[in-house]
Amino acid sequence: MATKLIVTGLSDEFTEACLYDLFDLYGSIVDVELAVDPAEGGFLGHGFVVFEDAVDAARARVSMDGAAICGRTLHVHDAETATPATPHRRDAPAAYGEDVFN
C-alpha cells in the first residue's frame, strides 16, 4: 500500500529531483511533489514523498526526521495523520508583538 510522507523545513533551493534523491535510498518512490502557493507560485517550504511500500516509508520517516540538510532541519511525518500547521501571515501584527487591540 502506498504511503505518503510530508517533509517540512525544506530550503528554497530544493527541487523535486533533490527530494527524490534524498528519499530514494529508503525504497521505491511512486511520486514526489513540492508544495507551491497556488496564488503566487512561490515554494511553501514543504513537499510530499509517496512510497510504494509502507515499511520503506516508515524507515525513511524515522531516518530523515530531524536530519540537517542545507542548514535546515527536516521534519518528516505521515501525511495522512499529520496535523495541519496553523497558517501564518507575514502581515499579522501579533506575530511581531504588536498590540492588535489599539
Foldseek 3Di string as FASTA:
>chain_A
DKFKKKKAFADQPDDQVNVCVLLVVLAAWDDKFFDADPVPRGTPRMIMIIHPDPVSLVVSQVVQQQDQDPNTGMHMDGPVPDDDDDDDDPPDVVVVVDDPVD
